Protein backbone atom coordinates (compact mmCIF):
# COMPACT_ATOMS: atom_id res chain seq x y z
CA UNK A 1 0.05 0.22 0.03
CA UNK A 2 2.90 2.72 0.97
CA UNK A 3 4.60 1.70 -2.47
CA UNK A 4 1.18 2.56 -4.14
CA UNK A 5 1.04 5.73 -2.42
CA UNK A 6 4.57 6.85 -2.81
CA UNK A 7 4.07 6.08 -6.67
CA UNK A 8 0.60 8.69 -6.79
CA UNK A 9 2.93 11.36 -5.13
CA UNK A 10 5.58 10.75 -8.07
CA UNK A 11 2.61 11.07 -10.56
CA UNK A 12 1.35 13.79 -8.94
CA UNK A 13 4.03 16.08 -8.89
CA UNK A 14 4.59 15.12 -12.12
CA UNK A 15 1.25 16.57 -13.00
CA UNK A 16 1.87 19.28 -11.28
CA UNK A 17 5.11 19.88 -12.72
CA UNK A 18 3.64 19.70 -16.30
CA UNK A 19 0.17 22.00 -15.41
CA UNK A 20 3.25 24.58 -14.03
CA UNK A 21 4.63 24.53 -16.79
CA UNK A 22 1.35 24.75 -19.17
CA UNK A 23 0.82 28.41 -18.37
CA UNK A 24 4.33 29.35 -19.97
CA UNK A 25 3.64 27.87 -22.66
CA UNK A 26 0.44 29.04 -23.12
CA UNK A 27 1.61 32.56 -22.75
CA UNK A 28 5.07 31.65 -24.27
CA UNK A 29 3.60 30.27 -27.53
CA UNK A 30 1.43 33.18 -28.69
CA UNK A 31 4.41 35.68 -27.85
CA UNK A 32 6.80 33.97 -29.97
CA UNK A 33 3.81 33.76 -32.63
CA UNK A 34 2.68 37.49 -32.04
CA UNK A 35 6.84 38.64 -32.62
CA UNK A 36 6.91 36.54 -35.78
CA UNK A 37 4.00 38.09 -37.12
CA UNK A 38 3.89 41.35 -36.21
CA UNK A 39 7.59 42.35 -35.14
CA UNK A 40 8.66 40.93 -38.81
CA UNK A 41 6.59 42.62 -41.13
CA UNK A 42 7.58 45.72 -38.66
CA UNK A 43 11.39 45.96 -39.30
CA UNK A 44 10.29 44.94 -42.94
CA UNK A 45 8.23 47.73 -43.22
CA UNK A 46 10.96 50.25 -41.14
CA UNK A 47 13.16 49.00 -43.37
CA UNK A 48 11.10 50.30 -46.65
CA UNK A 49 10.36 53.71 -44.82
CA UNK A 50 14.28 54.02 -44.07
CA UNK A 51 14.69 53.25 -47.76
CA UNK A 52 12.05 55.86 -48.76
CA UNK A 53 13.17 58.56 -46.21
CA UNK A 54 17.00 58.31 -47.67
CA UNK A 55 15.65 59.29 -50.95
CA UNK A 56 13.88 62.42 -50.12
CA UNK A 57 16.19 65.05 -50.30
CA UNK A 58 16.56 67.42 -47.39
CA UNK A 59 19.86 69.10 -45.02
CA UNK A 60 22.13 66.22 -45.14
CA UNK A 61 20.20 63.24 -46.29
CA UNK A 62 18.52 60.63 -43.90
CA UNK A 63 15.88 60.81 -41.30
CA UNK A 64 17.42 63.77 -39.31
CA UNK A 65 17.29 65.86 -42.97
CA UNK A 66 13.65 65.00 -43.27
CA UNK A 67 13.07 65.59 -39.57
CA UNK A 68 13.99 69.29 -39.02
């Protein structure tokens, strides 16, 4: 009887570890997907914007030239 109780405790502790890990996964996976879907297009848009800004003449060129 004691052995089965110990087994049950081990299984429950393992389950507890998994249950603690699940919320982390639930938070992390959408966050990673969000980063991949949102940040990469933003970086791409930033790069294209910078390229477009460089074309615009003004002062010493670049972003500072268009902002001032």
